[in-house]
C-alpha atoms as a PDB file:
ATOM      1  CA  MET A   1      -1.237  33.806 -62.851  1.00  0.00           C
ATOM      2  CA  LYS A   2       1.689  31.885 -64.295  1.00  0.00           C
ATOM      3  CA  ILE A   3       4.019  33.718 -61.952  1.00  0.00           C
ATOM      4  CA  ARG A   4       1.848  32.775 -58.956  1.00  0.00           C
ATOM      5  CA  ILE A   5       1.837  29.114 -60.016  1.00  0.00           C
ATOM      6  CA  ALA A   6       5.598  29.197 -60.466  1.00  0.00           C
ATOM      7  CA  ILE A   7       6.023  30.674 -56.982  1.00  0.00           C
ATOM      8  CA  LEU A   8       3.755  28.043 -55.446  1.00  0.00           C
ATOM      9  CA  VAL A   9       5.680  25.256 -57.198  1.00  0.00           C
ATOM     10  CA  LEU A  10       8.943  26.728 -55.957  1.00  0.00           C
ATOM     11  CA  ILE A  11       7.625  26.928 -52.388  1.00  0.00           C
ATOM     12  CA  ALA A  12       6.365  23.344 -52.532  1.00  0.00           C
ATOM     13  CA  PHE A  13       9.707  22.154 -53.870  1.00  0.00           C
ATOM     14  CA  SER A  14      11.521  24.024 -51.100  1.00  0.00           C
ATOM     15  CA  VAL A  15       9.312  22.461 -48.432  1.00  0.00           C
ATOM     16  CA  ILE A  16       9.926  18.960 -49.842  1.00  0.00           C
ATOM     17  CA  SER A  17      13.654  19.614 -50.009  1.00  0.00           C
ATOM     18  CA  CYS A  18      13.693  20.852 -46.436  1.00  0.00           C
ATOM     19  CA  LYS A  19      11.813  17.770 -45.267  1.00  0.00           C
ATOM     20  CA  LYS A  20      14.254  15.505 -47.048  1.00  0.00           C
ATOM     21  CA  HIS A  21      17.178  17.390 -45.582  1.00  0.00           C
ATOM     22  CA  LYS A  22      15.635  17.246 -42.140  1.00  0.00           C
ATOM     23  CA  THR A  23      15.070  13.498 -42.479  1.00  0.00           C
ATOM     24  CA  VAL A  24      18.752  13.005 -43.246  1.00  0.00           C
ATOM     25  CA  GLU A  25      19.773  15.153 -40.291  1.00  0.00           C
ATOM     26  CA  GLU A  26      17.392  13.357 -37.952  1.00  0.00           C
ATOM     27  CA  LYS A  27      18.898   9.994 -38.846  1.00  0.00           C
ATOM     28  CA  ILE A  28      21.149  10.271 -35.833  1.00  0.00           C
ATOM     29  CA  LEU A  29      22.206   6.917 -34.469  1.00  0.00           C
ATOM     30  CA  THR A  30      21.322   6.046 -30.879  1.00  0.00           C
ATOM     31  CA  SER A  31      24.177   5.131 -28.563  1.00  0.00           C
ATOM     32  CA  LEU A  32      23.348   1.444 -28.892  1.00  0.00           C
ATOM     33  CA  GLU A  33      23.192   1.688 -32.681  1.00  0.00           C
ATOM     34  CA  GLN A  34      26.613   3.311 -32.718  1.00  0.00           C
ATOM     35  CA  LEU A  35      28.007   0.271 -30.929  1.00  0.00           C
ATOM     36  CA  THR A  36      26.205  -2.362 -32.987  1.00  0.00           C
ATOM     37  CA  GLU A  37      27.023  -0.704 -36.293  1.00  0.00           C
ATOM     38  CA  GLY A  38      30.604  -0.264 -35.181  1.00  0.00           C
ATOM     39  CA  ASN A  39      30.854  -3.981 -34.474  1.00  0.00           C
ATOM     40  CA  GLN A  40      29.409  -4.716 -37.909  1.00  0.00           C
ATOM     41  CA  ARG A  41      32.142  -2.598 -39.484  1.00  0.00           C
ATOM     42  CA  PHE A  42      34.733  -4.438 -37.415  1.00  0.00           C
ATOM     43  CA  LEU A  43      33.356  -7.844 -38.471  1.00  0.00           C
ATOM     44  CA  SER A  44      33.270  -6.922 -42.154  1.00  0.00           C
ATOM     45  CA  GLY A  45      36.830  -5.609 -42.123  1.00  0.00           C
ATOM     46  CA  LYS A  46      35.632  -2.051 -42.725  1.00  0.00           C
ATOM     47  CA  SER A  47      36.543  -0.410 -39.432  1.00  0.00           C
ATOM     48  CA  ALA A  48      36.539   3.366 -39.767  1.00  0.00           C
ATOM     49  CA  HIS A  49      38.875   3.932 -36.786  1.00  0.00           C
ATOM     50  CA  PRO A  50      37.035   7.180 -36.006  1.00  0.00           C
ATOM     51  CA  ARG A  51      38.440   9.872 -33.740  1.00  0.00           C
ATOM     52  CA  GLN A  52      41.782   8.127 -33.297  1.00  0.00           C
ATOM     53  CA  ASN A  53      44.143  11.002 -34.012  1.00  0.00           C
ATOM     54  CA  LYS A  54      45.912  13.966 -32.458  1.00  0.00           C
ATOM     55  CA  LYS A  55      43.060  16.281 -33.467  1.00  0.00           C
ATOM     56  CA  THR A  56      40.681  14.276 -31.265  1.00  0.00           C
ATOM     57  CA  VAL A  57      43.170  14.316 -28.407  1.00  0.00           C
ATOM     58  CA  LEU A  58      43.232  18.109 -28.550  1.00  0.00           C
ATOM     59  CA  ALA A  59      39.444  18.340 -28.903  1.00  0.00           C
ATOM     60  CA  ASN A  60      38.984  16.336 -25.687  1.00  0.00           C
ATOM     61  CA  GLN A  61      41.809  17.785 -23.625  1.00  0.00           C
ATOM     62  CA  ASP A  62      39.533  19.950 -21.499  1.00  0.00           C
ATOM     63  CA  GLY A  63      36.806  17.394 -20.889  1.00  0.00           C
ATOM     64  CA  GLN A  64      35.075  14.253 -22.030  1.00  0.00           C
ATOM     65  CA  LYS A  65      31.553  13.252 -22.998  1.00  0.00           C
ATOM     66  CA  PRO A  66      31.494   9.509 -23.683  1.00  0.00           C
ATOM     67  CA  PHE A  67      28.199   8.243 -25.094  1.00  0.00           C
ATOM     68  CA  ALA A  68      28.420   4.842 -23.379  1.00  0.00           C
ATOM     69  CA  VAL A  69      29.847   3.142 -20.316  1.00  0.00           C
ATOM     70  CA  VAL A  70      31.241  -0.329 -21.026  1.00  0.00           C
ATOM     71  CA  ILE A  71      31.945  -2.700 -18.147  1.00  0.00           C
ATOM     72  CA  THR A  72      33.979  -5.586 -19.468  1.00  0.00           C
ATOM     73  CA  CYS A  73      36.685  -8.124 -18.690  1.00  0.00           C
ATOM     74  CA  SER A  74      40.408  -7.355 -18.493  1.00  0.00           C
ATOM     75  CA  ASP A  75      40.996 -10.098 -21.079  1.00  0.00           C
ATOM     76  CA  SER A  76      43.452  -8.764 -23.676  1.00  0.00           C
ATOM     77  CA  ARG A  77      41.289 -10.125 -26.497  1.00  0.00           C
ATOM     78  CA  VAL A  78      38.365  -7.895 -25.523  1.00  0.00           C
ATOM     79  CA  SER A  79      39.053  -4.263 -26.461  1.00  0.00           C
ATOM     80  CA  PRO A  80      35.787  -2.244 -26.607  1.00  0.00           C
ATOM     81  CA  GLU A  81      37.159   0.640 -28.674  1.00  0.00           C
ATOM     82  CA  ILE A  82      38.365  -1.847 -31.303  1.00  0.00           C
ATOM     83  CA  VAL A  83      35.466  -4.319 -31.456  1.00  0.00           C
ATOM     84  CA  PHE A  84      32.927  -1.450 -31.459  1.00  0.00           C
ATOM     85  CA  ASP A  85      35.085   0.666 -33.811  1.00  0.00           C
ATOM     86  CA  GLN A  86      35.022   3.767 -31.622  1.00  0.00           C
ATOM     87  CA  GLY A  87      37.578   6.430 -30.793  1.00  0.00           C
ATOM     88  CA  ILE A  88      39.068   8.646 -28.135  1.00  0.00           C
ATOM     89  CA  GLY A  89      36.417  10.096 -25.846  1.00  0.00           C
ATOM     90  CA  ASP A  90      33.611   7.807 -27.052  1.00  0.00           C
ATOM     91  CA  LEU A  91      33.563   5.089 -24.384  1.00  0.00           C
ATOM     92  CA  PHE A  92      33.984   5.172 -20.615  1.00  0.00           C
ATOM     93  CA  VAL A  93      35.503   1.725 -20.100  1.00  0.00           C
ATOM     94  CA  ILE A  94      35.683  -0.131 -16.784  1.00  0.00           C
ATOM     95  CA  ARG A  95      37.639  -3.397 -16.837  1.00  0.00           C
ATOM     96  CA  ASN A  96      38.411  -6.187 -14.393  1.00  0.00           C
ATOM     97  CA  ALA A  97      38.651  -9.978 -14.516  1.00  0.00           C
ATOM     98  CA  GLY A  98      35.119 -11.309 -14.964  1.00  0.00           C
ATOM     99  CA  ASN A  99      33.467  -7.885 -15.537  1.00  0.00           C
ATOM    100  CA  LEU A 100      32.446  -7.800 -11.874  1.00  0.00           C
ATOM    101  CA  ILE A 101      30.894  -4.839 -10.050  1.00  0.00           C
ATOM    102  CA  SER A 102      32.738  -3.808  -6.896  1.00  0.00           C
ATOM    103  CA  ASP A 103      32.075  -0.611  -4.955  1.00  0.00           C
ATOM    104  CA  ILE A 104      34.875   1.073  -6.903  1.00  0.00           C
ATOM    105  CA  ASP A 105      33.409  -0.024 -10.244  1.00  0.00           C
ATOM    106  CA  MET A 106      29.990   1.201  -9.156  1.00  0.00           C
ATOM    107  CA  GLY A 107      31.509   4.531  -8.184  1.00  0.00           C
ATOM    108  CA  SER A 108      33.028   4.794 -11.655  1.00  0.00           C
ATOM    109  CA  ILE A 109      29.606   4.124 -13.184  1.00  0.00           C
ATOM    110  CA  GLU A 110      28.001   6.777 -10.996  1.00  0.00           C
ATOM    111  CA  TYR A 111      30.657   9.272 -12.045  1.00  0.00           C
ATOM    112  CA  ALA A 112      29.955   8.663 -15.739  1.00  0.00           C
ATOM    113  CA  VAL A 113      26.215   9.004 -15.196  1.00  0.00           C
ATOM    114  CA  GLU A 114      26.240  12.042 -12.900  1.00  0.00           C
ATOM    115  CA  HIS A 115      29.180  14.036 -14.190  1.00  0.00           C
ATOM    116  CA  LEU A 116      29.608  12.946 -17.808  1.00  0.00           C
ATOM    117  CA  ASP A 117      25.899  12.586 -18.618  1.00  0.00           C
ATOM    118  CA  THR A 118      26.380   9.163 -20.192  1.00  0.00           C
ATOM    119  CA  LYS A 119      23.023   7.597 -21.129  1.00  0.00           C
ATOM    120  CA  LEU A 120      23.955   3.992 -21.956  1.00  0.00           C
ATOM    121  CA  ILE A 121      25.620   1.299 -19.840  1.00  0.00           C
ATOM    122  CA  VAL A 122      26.783  -1.951 -21.414  1.00  0.00           C
ATOM    123  CA  VAL A 123      27.936  -5.021 -19.513  1.00  0.00           C
ATOM    124  CA  LEU A 124      30.097  -6.899 -21.994  1.00  0.00           C
ATOM    125  CA  GLY A 125      31.021 -10.472 -21.057  1.00  0.00           C
ATOM    126  CA  HIS A 126      32.826 -12.810 -23.409  1.00  0.00           C
ATOM    127  CA  THR A 127      33.444 -16.416 -24.376  1.00  0.00           C
ATOM    128  CA  GLU A 128      36.534 -18.238 -23.079  1.00  0.00           C
ATOM    129  CA  CYS A 129      36.479 -16.093 -19.947  1.00  0.00           C
ATOM    130  CA  GLY A 130      39.176 -17.304 -17.553  1.00  0.00           C
ATOM    131  CA  ALA A 131      37.260 -16.138 -14.488  1.00  0.00           C
ATOM    132  CA  ILE A 132      34.207 -18.162 -15.496  1.00  0.00           C
ATOM    133  CA  LYS A 133      36.360 -21.189 -16.331  1.00  0.00           C
ATOM    134  CA  ALA A 134      37.903 -21.021 -12.872  1.00  0.00           C
ATOM    135  CA  TYR A 135      34.413 -20.867 -11.359  1.00  0.00           C
ATOM    136  CA  ILE A 136      33.286 -23.895 -13.381  1.00  0.00           C
ATOM    137  CA  ASN A 137      36.368 -25.867 -12.324  1.00  0.00           C
ATOM    138  CA  ASP A 138      35.555 -25.108  -8.692  1.00  0.00           C
ATOM    139  CA  LYS A 139      33.332 -28.178  -8.481  1.00  0.00           C
ATOM    140  CA  ASP A 140      33.100 -28.484  -4.706  1.00  0.00           C
ATOM    141  CA  GLY A 141      33.682 -24.930  -3.587  1.00  0.00           C
ATOM    142  CA  SER A 142      37.285 -25.544  -2.576  1.00  0.00           C
ATOM    143  CA  TYR A 143      39.129 -24.342  -5.650  1.00  0.00           C
ATOM    144  CA  LYS A 144      42.317 -22.970  -4.050  1.00  0.00           C
ATOM    145  CA  LYS A 145      45.014 -23.192  -6.690  1.00  0.00           C
ATOM    146  CA  HIS A 146      45.837 -19.497  -6.997  1.00  0.00           C
ATOM    147  CA  PHE A 147      46.852 -16.590  -4.853  1.00  0.00           C
ATOM    148  CA  ASN A 148      44.147 -15.342  -2.513  1.00  0.00           C
ATOM    149  CA  HIS A 149      43.091 -12.388  -4.636  1.00  0.00           C
ATOM    150  CA  ILE A 150      42.370 -14.627  -7.620  1.00  0.00           C
ATOM    151  CA  ASP A 151      40.408 -16.953  -5.348  1.00  0.00           C
ATOM    152  CA  ASN A 152      38.328 -13.931  -4.345  1.00  0.00           C
ATOM    153  CA  ILE A 153      37.220 -13.533  -7.969  1.00  0.00           C
ATOM    154  CA  VAL A 154      36.076 -17.163  -8.124  1.00  0.00           C
ATOM    155  CA  GLU A 155      34.308 -16.882  -4.775  1.00  0.00           C
ATOM    156  CA  THR A 156      32.542 -13.684  -5.843  1.00  0.00           C
ATOM    157  CA  ILE A 157      31.216 -15.342  -9.009  1.00  0.00           C
ATOM    158  CA  SER A 158      30.145 -18.471  -7.112  1.00  0.00           C
ATOM    159  CA  GLN A 159      27.997 -16.331  -4.795  1.00  0.00           C
ATOM    160  CA  GLU A 160      26.124 -14.547  -7.562  1.00  0.00           C
ATOM    161  CA  LYS A 161      22.425 -15.442  -7.338  1.00  0.00           C
ATOM    162  CA  GLU A 162      22.156 -15.739 -11.110  1.00  0.00           C
ATOM    163  CA  GLU A 163      25.023 -18.245 -11.160  1.00  0.00           C
ATOM    164  CA  VAL A 164      23.473 -20.280  -8.351  1.00  0.00           C
ATOM    165  CA  ASP A 165      20.123 -20.378 -10.161  1.00  0.00           C
ATOM    166  CA  ALA A 166      21.769 -21.313 -13.469  1.00  0.00           C
ATOM    167  CA  ASP A 167      23.708 -24.108 -11.781  1.00  0.00           C
ATOM    168  CA  LYS A 168      20.525 -25.493 -10.246  1.00  0.00           C
ATOM    169  CA  ALA A 169      18.828 -25.533 -13.648  1.00  0.00           C
ATOM    170  CA  THR A 170      21.807 -27.054 -15.470  1.00  0.00           C
ATOM    171  CA  PRO A 171      25.043 -28.143 -13.743  1.00  0.00           C
ATOM    172  CA  LYS A 172      27.715 -25.530 -14.417  1.00  0.00           C
ATOM    173  CA  ALA A 173      30.172 -28.166 -15.670  1.00  0.00           C
ATOM    174  CA  THR A 174      27.961 -28.633 -18.749  1.00  0.00           C
ATOM    175  CA  ASN A 175      26.563 -25.120 -18.969  1.00  0.00           C
ATOM    176  CA  TYR A 176      29.569 -22.944 -19.775  1.00  0.00           C
ATOM    177  CA  LEU A 177      27.668 -20.429 -21.917  1.00  0.00           C
ATOM    178  CA  GLY A 178      24.908 -20.269 -19.333  1.00  0.00           C
ATOM    179  CA  ALA A 179      27.483 -19.439 -16.660  1.00  0.00           C
ATOM    180  CA  ILE A 180      28.867 -16.601 -18.803  1.00  0.00           C
ATOM    181  CA  ASN A 181      25.394 -15.183 -19.367  1.00  0.00           C
ATOM    182  CA  ALA A 182      24.454 -15.486 -15.681  1.00  0.00           C
ATOM    183  CA  ASN A 183      27.576 -13.571 -14.713  1.00  0.00           C
ATOM    184  CA  ILE A 184      26.680 -10.784 -17.145  1.00  0.00           C
ATOM    185  CA  GLU A 185      23.106 -10.616 -15.882  1.00  0.00           C
ATOM    186  CA  HIS A 186      24.267 -10.412 -12.277  1.00  0.00           C
ATOM    187  CA  SER A 187      26.327  -7.309 -13.010  1.00  0.00           C
ATOM    188  CA  VAL A 188      23.396  -5.820 -14.923  1.00  0.00           C
ATOM    189  CA  LYS A 189      21.078  -6.416 -11.970  1.00  0.00           C
ATOM    190  CA  LEU A 190      23.463  -4.692  -9.566  1.00  0.00           C
ATOM    191  CA  ILE A 191      23.622  -1.664 -11.845  1.00  0.00           C
ATOM    192  CA  GLN A 192      19.839  -1.601 -12.303  1.00  0.00           C
ATOM    193  CA  ASP A 193      19.410  -1.427  -8.531  1.00  0.00           C
ATOM    194  CA  ASN A 194      21.707   1.575  -8.189  1.00  0.00           C
ATOM    195  CA  PRO A 195      19.670   4.641  -7.091  1.00  0.00           C
ATOM    196  CA  ILE A 196      21.656   7.093  -9.226  1.00  0.00           C
ATOM    197  CA  VAL A 197      21.267   4.949 -12.340  1.00  0.00           C
ATOM    198  CA  LYS A 198      17.539   4.656 -11.605  1.00  0.00           C
ATOM    199  CA  GLU A 199      17.169   8.383 -11.065  1.00  0.00           C
ATOM    200  CA  HIS A 200      18.775   9.197 -14.417  1.00  0.00           C
ATOM    201  CA  GLN A 201      16.778   6.456 -16.203  1.00  0.00           C
ATOM    202  CA  ILE A 202      19.860   5.008 -17.865  1.00  0.00           C
ATOM    203  CA  LYS A 203      19.529   2.298 -20.498  1.00  0.00           C
ATOM    204  CA  ILE A 204      21.409  -0.866 -19.481  1.00  0.00           C
ATOM    205  CA  VAL A 205      22.259  -3.565 -22.012  1.00  0.00           C
ATOM    206  CA  SER A 206      23.693  -7.079 -21.641  1.00  0.00           C
ATOM    207  CA  MET A 207      26.143  -8.110 -24.355  1.00  0.00           C
ATOM    208  CA  ARG A 208      28.488 -11.015 -25.038  1.00  0.00           C
ATOM    209  CA  TYR A 209      31.603 -10.919 -27.200  1.00  0.00           C
ATOM    210  CA  ASP A 210      32.774 -14.036 -29.024  1.00  0.00           C
ATOM    211  CA  VAL A 211      36.573 -14.231 -29.064  1.00  0.00           C
ATOM    212  CA  HIS A 212      36.353 -16.807 -31.869  1.00  0.00           C
ATOM    213  CA  THR A 213      34.485 -14.579 -34.326  1.00  0.00           C
ATOM    214  CA  GLY A 214      34.727 -10.985 -33.082  1.00  0.00           C
ATOM    215  CA  LYS A 215      30.949 -10.710 -32.964  1.00  0.00           C
ATOM    216  CA  VAL A 216      29.022  -8.996 -30.185  1.00  0.00           C
ATOM    217  CA  VAL A 217      25.460 -10.154 -29.461  1.00  0.00           C
ATOM    218  CA  GLU A 218      22.861  -8.563 -27.250  1.00  0.00           C
ATOM    219  CA  LEU A 219      21.403 -10.941 -24.675  1.00  0.00           C
END
């Protein structure tokens, strides 16, 4: 009888232990959590600098499987791998002035979704964005102080529906943050309307990086 009781106690203990172990294993961070927790490490000065070594280079030499696509600005102060504390092979980063979505950028997104099986897309705008500042300074639609290709960036932003709506609600000259957010949301909307992104049911997130603090916030 005592032996039976001892066996039952041992079995019960094993089951509890297994459950605890399973709970620990199941505490796998989502793609978005990996980014937000990485930014928290960066902000607190405790960046882990994961997967930033020759071993990781060799591990990824035959292929890649990034867990997130990040569309962001070319601004040198905005480096996704650093501010999110990620490493080689973690992020599929697409950068241009103003984090805009051209056909080429959209093709890059489709590639990550279809061929790399990436499940999260982040549009990361930022404060003190030069492209947005140029748009705001274009008070009468005739801002022609740069070479033509730079003017094309300003014109593209000025035609975004979200920017037009934001300007109607609050004049852009006094709504700098609103203009940044509207620009981010426009890119998000374009991605949401992409048939391939829809088909794969990809999560799309709007984020804004503050160059003054290093903090990333979800909009």
